[in-house]
Protein backbone atom coordinates (compact mmCIF):
# COMPACT_ATOMS: atom_id res chain seq x y z
CA MET A 1 0.00 0.00 0.00
CA THR A 2 2.78 2.39 0.90
CA GLU A 3 4.71 1.47 -2.25
CA GLU A 4 1.68 2.08 -4.43
CA LYS A 5 1.16 5.41 -2.72
CA LEU A 6 4.81 6.33 -3.28
CA LYS A 7 4.59 5.28 -6.94
CA LEU A 8 1.43 7.34 -7.31
CA GLU A 9 3.11 10.33 -5.67
CA GLU A 10 6.15 9.91 -7.92
CA THR A 11 3.91 9.67 -10.95
CA ILE A 12 1.98 12.76 -9.87
CA HIS A 13 5.29 14.57 -9.16
CA GLY A 14 6.67 13.57 -12.58
CA LEU A 15 3.49 14.71 -14.29
CA SER A 16 3.62 18.01 -12.39
CA LYS A 17 7.28 18.46 -13.34
CA GLN A 18 6.54 17.61 -16.97
CA LYS A 19 3.63 20.03 -16.95
CA THR A 20 5.86 22.74 -15.43
CA GLU A 21 8.49 22.13 -18.11
CA MET A 22 5.79 22.32 -20.77
CA GLU A 23 4.57 25.61 -19.33
CA ASP A 24 8.13 26.96 -19.28
CA ASN A 25 8.63 25.86 -22.89
CA MET A 26 5.35 27.47 -23.89
CA LYS A 27 6.35 30.72 -22.16
CA GLU A 28 9.74 30.61 -23.87
CA LYS A 29 8.11 29.94 -27.26
CA LYS A 30 5.64 32.72 -26.59
CA GLY A 31 8.47 35.14 -25.76
CA GLU A 32 10.36 34.14 -28.90
CA LEU A 33 7.20 34.53 -30.96
CA GLU A 34 6.53 37.99 -29.52
CA LYS A 35 10.15 38.97 -30.21
CA ILE A 36 9.90 37.68 -33.80
CA LEU A 37 6.60 39.52 -34.30
CA GLU A 38 8.14 42.72 -32.95
CA GLU A 39 11.15 42.35 -35.26
CA LYS A 40 8.82 41.64 -38.18
CA ASN A 41 6.77 44.77 -37.41
CA GLN A 42 9.96 46.84 -37.14
CA LEU A 43 11.22 45.44 -40.48
CA ALA A 44 7.87 46.12 -42.12
CA ALA A 45 7.85 49.71 -40.79
CA ARG A 46 11.45 50.23 -41.97
CA ASP A 47 10.65 48.76 -45.40
CA ASN A 48 7.60 51.00 -45.70
CA GLN A 49 9.71 54.04 -44.76
CA GLU A 50 12.39 53.06 -47.29
CA LEU A 51 9.74 52.57 -49.97
CA GLU A 52 8.31 56.02 -49.18
CA ASP A 53 11.82 57.52 -49.36
CA LEU A 54 12.43 55.79 -52.70
CA LEU A 55 9.11 57.05 -54.07
CA LYS A 56 9.96 60.59 -52.92
CA GLU A 57 13.39 60.31 -54.55
CA VAL A 58 11.83 59.07 -57.81
CA GLN A 59 9.33 61.95 -57.72
CA SER A 60 12.15 64.45 -57.07
CA LEU A 61 14.16 63.00 -59.95
CA ASN A 62 11.13 63.26 -62.25
CA GLU A 63 10.57 66.90 -61.25
CA GLN A 64 14.27 67.71 -61.76
CA ARG A 65 14.25 65.98 -65.15
CA THR A 66 11.11 67.90 -66.21
CA ALA A 67 12.72 71.20 -65.14
CA ASP A 68 15.93 70.31 -67.02
CA ILE A 69 13.93 69.47 -70.16
CA CYS A 70 12.04 72.80 -69.94
CA ASN A 71 15.30 74.74 -69.50
CA PHE A 72 16.86 72.81 -72.35
CA GLU A 73 13.89 73.53 -74.65
CA GLU A 74 14.02 77.23 -73.70
CA GLU A 75 17.75 77.31 -74.46
CA ILE A 76 17.14 75.60 -77.83
CA LYS A 77 14.39 78.13 -78.58
CA GLN A 78 16.70 81.05 -77.74
CA ARG A 79 19.50 79.54 -79.84
CA GLY A 80 17.04 79.07 -82.73
CA GLU A 81 15.91 82.71 -82.48
CA LYS A 82 19.54 83.85 -82.38
CA ILE A 83 20.37 81.70 -85.43
CA GLU A 84 17.34 83.11 -87.29
CA GLY A 85 18.43 86.67 -86.41
CA LEU A 86 21.98 85.99 -87.57
CA THR A 87 20.66 84.38 -90.75
CA ARG A 88 18.45 87.40 -91.49
CA GLU A 89 21.36 89.74 -90.77
CA LYS A 90 23.59 87.65 -93.02
CA VAL A 91 21.02 87.76 -95.85
CA GLU A 92 20.66 91.53 -95.43
CA LEU A 93 24.44 91.97 -95.48
CA MET A 94 24.73 89.74 -98.54
CA THR A 95 22.00 91.75 -100.30
CA LYS A 96 23.64 95.05 -99.38
CA MET A 97 27.04 93.75 -100.44
CA GLU A 98 25.71 92.49 -103.79
CA LYS A 99 23.93 95.80 -104.38
CA PHE A 100 27.04 97.72 -103.37
CA GLU A 101 29.21 95.52 -105.60
CA SER A 102 26.91 96.03 -108.58
CA GLU A 103 26.73 99.80 -108.03
CA ASN A 104 30.44 100.02 -107.31
CA LYS A 105 31.20 97.86 -110.33
CA ASN A 106 29.13 100.08 -112.63
CA THR A 107 30.60 103.27 -111.09
CA VAL A 108 34.15 101.95 -111.28
CA GLU A 109 33.69 100.79 -114.86
CA GLU A 110 32.27 104.18 -115.85
CA LYS A 111 35.04 106.03 -114.01
CA GLU A 112 37.71 103.79 -115.48
CA LYS A 113 36.21 104.37 -118.90
CA LYS A 114 36.22 108.16 -118.32
CA ILE A 115 39.79 107.99 -117.01
CA ASP A 116 40.86 106.08 -120.11
CA GLU A 117 39.09 108.62 -122.30
CA LEU A 118 40.69 111.53 -120.42
CA ILE A 119 44.11 109.88 -120.62
CA ASN A 120 43.67 109.38 -124.34
CA GLU A 121 42.45 112.96 -124.70
CA LYS A 122 45.38 114.16 -122.60
CA GLY A 123 47.78 112.26 -124.85
CA VAL A 124 46.18 113.76 -127.93
CA LEU A 125 46.38 117.22 -126.39
CA TYR A 126 50.04 116.70 -125.52
CA GLU A 127 50.72 115.66 -129.09
CA LYS A 128 48.87 118.72 -130.36
CA LEU A 129 50.80 120.89 -127.87
CA GLU A 130 54.09 119.49 -129.10
CA ASP A 131 53.01 120.10 -132.67
CA MET A 132 52.00 123.64 -131.74
CA GLN A 133 55.32 124.24 -129.98
CA LYS A 134 57.18 122.97 -133.02
CA HIS A 135 55.01 125.15 -135.20
CA VAL A 136 55.70 128.17 -132.95
CA ILE A 137 59.42 127.49 -133.10
CA ASN A 138 59.17 127.25 -136.84
CA LEU A 139 57.09 130.41 -136.89
CA GLU A 140 59.58 132.21 -134.67
CA SER A 141 62.45 131.15 -136.90
CA SER A 142 60.46 132.12 -139.94
CA HIS A 143 59.48 135.37 -138.19
CA ALA A 144 63.16 136.18 -137.63
CA ASP A 145 63.79 135.49 -141.27
CA LYS A 146 60.86 137.64 -142.16
CA ASP A 147 62.14 140.50 -139.95
CA ALA A 148 65.38 140.40 -141.88
CA LYS A 149 63.47 140.36 -145.11
CA LEU A 150 61.17 143.19 -143.91
CA LEU A 151 64.01 145.56 -144.13
CA GLU A 152 64.26 144.58 -147.72
CA MET A 153 60.59 144.17 -148.30
CA ASP A 154 58.24 146.91 -147.14
CA ALA A 155 54.88 146.98 -148.62
CA VAL A 156 55.04 143.54 -150.17
CA ASP A 157 55.55 141.64 -146.96
CA ASN A 158 53.47 143.87 -144.62
CA GLN A 159 50.34 141.98 -145.49
CA LYS A 160 52.09 138.66 -145.04
CA LEU A 161 53.54 139.86 -141.73
CA GLU A 162 50.17 140.96 -140.48
CA LYS A 163 48.77 137.60 -141.45
CA SER A 164 51.66 135.89 -139.71
CA VAL A 165 51.15 138.02 -136.58
CA GLU A 166 47.47 137.24 -136.65
CA SER A 167 48.26 133.58 -137.19
CA LEU A 168 50.77 133.73 -134.34
CA SER A 169 48.20 135.41 -132.12
CA ASN A 170 45.70 132.72 -132.98
CA LEU A 171 48.30 130.09 -132.28
CA GLN A 172 49.09 131.70 -128.92
CA LYS A 173 45.38 131.77 -128.09
CA GLU A 174 45.11 128.17 -129.12
CA LEU A 175 48.18 127.39 -127.01
CA MET A 176 46.60 129.12 -124.00
CA GLU A 177 43.41 127.18 -124.58
CA MET A 178 45.45 123.99 -124.78
CA GLU A 179 47.17 124.91 -121.50
CA ASP A 180 43.76 125.58 -119.90
CA LYS A 181 42.56 122.23 -121.18
CA ASN A 182 45.75 120.65 -119.86
CA THR A 183 45.13 122.29 -116.46
CA ALA A 184 41.52 121.09 -116.47
CA LEU A 185 42.71 117.65 -117.52
CA THR A 186 45.23 117.67 -114.66
CA VAL A 187 42.46 118.66 -112.23
CA HIS A 188 40.26 115.92 -113.65
CA VAL A 189 43.10 113.42 -113.37
CA THR A 190 43.57 114.51 -109.74
CA TYR A 191 39.83 114.04 -109.23
CA MET A 192 40.03 110.62 -110.85
CA GLU A 193 42.95 109.75 -108.59
CA GLY A 194 40.69 110.73 -105.68
CA VAL A 195 38.05 108.52 -107.25
CA GLU A 196 40.63 105.74 -107.38
CA ASP A 197 41.36 106.34 -103.69
CA THR A 198 37.62 106.20 -103.02
CA ASN A 199 37.50 103.02 -105.06
CA LYS A 200 40.31 101.61 -102.95
CA ILE A 201 38.39 102.58 -99.79
CA LEU A 202 35.29 100.94 -101.21
CA GLN A 203 37.37 97.91 -102.11
CA SER A 204 38.72 97.75 -98.54
CA GLU A 205 35.15 98.10 -97.26
CA LYS A 206 34.17 95.30 -99.61
CA THR A 207 37.04 93.20 -98.24
CA SER A 208 35.92 94.04 -94.69
CA LEU A 209 32.37 93.04 -95.60
CA GLU A 210 33.65 89.80 -97.09
CA THR A 211 35.64 89.19 -93.90
CA SER A 212 32.53 89.91 -91.83
CA ASN A 213 30.59 87.58 -94.09
CA ASP A 214 33.22 84.88 -93.58
CA GLN A 215 33.04 85.44 -89.83
CA LEU A 216 29.25 85.23 -89.97
CA SER A 217 29.54 82.06 -92.03
CA THR A 218 31.97 80.65 -89.46
CA GLU A 219 29.66 81.65 -86.60
CA ASN A 220 26.73 80.17 -88.49
CA THR A 221 28.67 76.94 -88.96
CA VAL A 222 29.57 76.90 -85.26
CA LEU A 223 25.93 77.56 -84.34
CA GLU A 224 24.80 74.80 -86.71
CA ASP A 225 27.32 72.44 -85.08
CA LYS A 226 26.03 73.47 -81.67
CA LEU A 227 22.46 72.95 -82.88
CA ILE A 228 23.39 69.46 -84.10
CA SER A 229 25.07 68.81 -80.75
CA LEU A 230 21.95 70.05 -78.95
CA GLU A 231 19.77 67.80 -81.11
CA LYS A 232 22.02 64.87 -80.20
CA LYS A 233 21.73 65.83 -76.53
CA ILE A 234 17.94 66.00 -76.93
CA LEU A 235 17.97 62.50 -78.44
CA GLN A 236 20.15 61.32 -75.54
CA TRP A 237 17.75 62.96 -73.08
CA GLU A 238 14.79 61.29 -74.79
CA ARG A 239 16.58 57.93 -74.74
CA SER A 240 17.54 58.34 -71.08
CA GLU A 241 13.96 59.46 -70.36
CA ARG A 242 12.62 56.30 -71.98
CA GLU A 243 15.10 54.18 -70.02
CA HIS A 244 14.21 56.05 -66.83
CA LYS A 245 10.52 55.55 -67.59
CA GLN A 246 11.12 51.83 -68.12
CA LYS A 247 13.03 51.72 -64.83
CA ILE A 248 10.15 53.53 -63.11
CA GLU A 249 7.66 51.08 -64.61
CA SER A 250 9.80 48.13 -63.50
CA ASN A 251 10.17 49.76 -60.07
CA ASP A 252 6.39 50.27 -59.92
CA ALA A 253 5.90 46.59 -60.79
CA ARG A 254 8.49 45.68 -58.16
CA ILE A 255 6.75 47.95 -55.65
CA LEU A 256 3.44 46.23 -56.41
CA GLU A 257 5.18 42.90 -55.92
CA LEU A 258 6.65 44.14 -52.64
CA GLU A 259 3.24 45.41 -51.60
CA GLY A 260 1.90 41.92 -52.32
CA LEU A 261 4.69 40.44 -50.22
CA LEU A 262 3.95 43.00 -47.52
CA ALA A 263 0.27 42.03 -47.65
CA ASN A 264 1.32 38.38 -47.34
CA CYS A 265 3.54 39.32 -44.41
CA GLN A 266 0.66 41.22 -42.82
CA GLU A 267 -1.57 38.22 -43.42
CA SER A 268 1.12 36.05 -41.85
CA SER A 269 1.24 38.54 -38.99
CA HIS A 270 -2.52 38.22 -38.55
CA LYS A 271 -2.11 34.44 -38.63
CA ALA A 272 0.67 34.72 -36.06
CA SER A 273 -1.61 36.90 -33.92
CA SER A 274 -4.37 34.32 -34.20
CA LEU A 275 -1.84 31.61 -33.34
CA GLN A 276 -0.76 33.67 -30.37
CA GLU A 277 -4.39 33.90 -29.29
CA GLU A 278 -4.67 30.13 -29.65
CA VAL A 279 -1.48 29.73 -27.60
CA SER A 280 -3.00 31.99 -24.94
CA LYS A 281 -6.15 29.89 -25.00
CA LEU A 282 -4.03 26.74 -24.66
CA GLU A 283 -2.19 28.32 -21.75
CA LEU A 284 -5.49 29.15 -20.11
CA GLU A 285 -6.65 25.59 -20.75
CA LEU A 286 -3.38 24.28 -19.27
CA VAL A 287 -3.83 26.50 -16.22
CA GLN A 288 -7.42 25.33 -15.89
CA GLN A 289 -6.41 21.70 -16.35
CA LYS A 290 -3.57 22.21 -13.88
CA SER A 291 -5.98 23.60 -11.32
CA ASP A 292 -8.43 20.79 -12.09
CA SER A 293 -5.62 18.23 -11.84
CA LYS A 294 -4.47 19.76 -8.58
CA ALA A 295 -8.00 19.60 -7.23
CA GLU A 296 -8.34 16.02 -8.38
CA ILE A 297 -4.93 15.17 -6.90
CA GLU A 298 -5.95 16.77 -3.60
CA LYS A 299 -9.20 14.91 -3.79
CA LEU A 300 -7.28 11.70 -4.50
CA MET A 301 -4.95 12.37 -1.59
CA GLY A 302 -7.97 12.84 0.65
CA ASN A 303 -9.45 9.68 -0.70
CA ILE A 304 -6.12 7.91 -0.10
CA ASN A 305 -6.12 9.13 3.49
CA MET A 306 -9.65 7.95 3.88
CA LEU A 307 -8.79 4.63 2.21
CA MET A 308 -5.88 4.17 4.57
CA GLU A 309 -8.41 4.23 7.45
CA SER A 310 -10.50 1.60 5.73
CA ASN A 311 -8.47 -1.38 4.40
CA ASP A 312 -11.45 -2.86 2.64
CA ASP A 313 -12.22 0.19 0.58
CA LEU A 314 -8.55 1.15 0.11
CA LYS A 315 -7.90 -1.27 -2.72
CA ALA A 316 -10.90 -0.10 -4.71
CA GLN A 317 -9.99 3.55 -4.02
CA LEU A 318 -6.39 2.89 -5.12
CA GLU A 319 -7.65 1.28 -8.29
CA ASN A 320 -9.86 4.30 -8.94
CA ALA A 321 -6.92 6.58 -8.15
CA GLY A 322 -4.70 4.62 -10.57
CA THR A 323 -7.40 4.83 -13.22
CA ASN A 324 -7.75 8.57 -12.64
CA ALA A 325 -3.96 8.92 -12.70
CA ASP A 326 -3.87 7.06 -16.02
CA LYS A 327 -6.58 9.33 -17.36
CA LEU A 328 -4.64 12.37 -16.17
CA GLN A 329 -1.48 11.02 -17.74
CA ASN A 330 -3.35 10.35 -20.98
CA GLN A 331 -4.78 13.87 -20.86
CA LEU A 332 -1.31 15.30 -20.24
CA VAL A 333 0.07 13.24 -23.15
CA THR A 334 -2.75 14.48 -25.37
CA ILE A 335 -2.14 18.08 -24.29
CA THR A 336 1.59 17.59 -24.83
CA ASP A 337 1.00 16.25 -28.35
CA GLU A 338 -1.33 19.12 -29.18
CA SER A 339 1.17 21.60 -27.76
CA ARG A 340 3.95 20.05 -29.83
CA LYS A 341 1.76 20.27 -32.93
CA LYS A 342 1.05 23.92 -32.15
CA VAL A 343 4.77 24.53 -31.60
CA PHE A 344 5.61 22.85 -34.94
CA HIS A 345 2.93 24.93 -36.61
CA LEU A 346 4.35 28.09 -35.02
CA GLU A 347 7.86 27.13 -36.12
CA ALA A 348 6.59 26.64 -39.70
CA GLU A 349 4.90 30.05 -39.54
CA LEU A 350 8.15 31.55 -38.23
CA GLU A 351 10.09 29.98 -41.10
CA ARG A 352 7.59 31.48 -43.57
CA GLU A 353 7.97 34.85 -41.84
CA ILE A 354 11.77 34.58 -42.14
CA GLN A 355 11.43 33.70 -45.85
CA CYS A 356 9.17 36.73 -46.37
CA LYS A 357 11.73 38.88 -44.58
CA GLU A 358 14.53 37.52 -46.77
CA GLU A 359 12.46 38.18 -49.91
CA LEU A 360 11.79 41.74 -48.72
CA ASP A 361 15.51 42.29 -48.05
CA LYS A 362 16.37 40.87 -51.47
CA ALA A 363 13.77 43.09 -53.18
CA LYS A 364 15.07 46.08 -51.23
CA ARG A 365 18.66 45.41 -52.34
CA THR A 366 17.48 45.00 -55.95
CA LEU A 367 15.64 48.33 -55.79
CA GLU A 368 18.68 50.04 -54.27
CA LYS A 369 20.87 48.67 -57.08
CA GLU A 370 18.38 49.80 -59.73
CA PHE A 371 18.10 53.31 -58.27
CA SER A 372 21.85 53.56 -57.83
CA CYS A 373 22.23 52.70 -61.54
């Protein structure tokens, strides 16, 4: 009887110890689960903050790119207006230069023609002057001869002398006229030399205009090269804009995927919360069963004490106590199995949570790489 009582007490003590260990394990698992849930919530909050920061950065980049494109278009417009102004100015200068060249060409040709005519006329006048001078010399020599002959000839040569004097006077007048013409010709030649100087000035102005035209052509070429370069830059901007747009679309798709993962994580979190509630319920059930078991054990102990007073009823009471102890042990085994199943289920949920966290970290690193590119 005493041995059976000791065995029963040992069994009850072992069951109590096993139950205490199970409670400690459940508390430990509960603490680990709460810690994991807290870490998961912190990671989710951090991921949400990082996603918001990334979205803000993308929006800022889009605004900056739009502003750059507007400034670039304004610069292209200003360059185009400047090129149009320079082109109009170039056309006006070309028109003025062509008009000036045609007028100057006609004026120069006319003046050159007049100069040639005056030079020819001057040469003719010089020839006539030389002829006149020769004729005067001849007349003077003949006049000297006639003076000698006048002494011999009186009345006969008076008429001839008068005619010669008149002819000489006419020749002198003609010589004076020739000198006046020569003076006028000299003045005209001087004027034509001034015209030649003017022509040289006009020619230098023409050269200056041609130089300016060359400079304008060079500037126009430079501006055209810059315009081509700007067009290339525009094409590069458009290409980079398309690439950036594709990146944004891929990032949006990735964000949607991450939002799906986040929703899954939240769903897992809800599941974990429900599991935690179930664990709490199990703990309450364990506490209740513990209290019930304690009451039954106390009741059994009382019954054992009562059975010890009555040897006849003790055997039956011990059998009932053994049966109740077996039932309690079976109940504890059942509770232990259910608790283990719950623990395995919680561990599987934790593994899924860890996988979700790893996927989120991987997606975050991928997004960081894409945005850094």
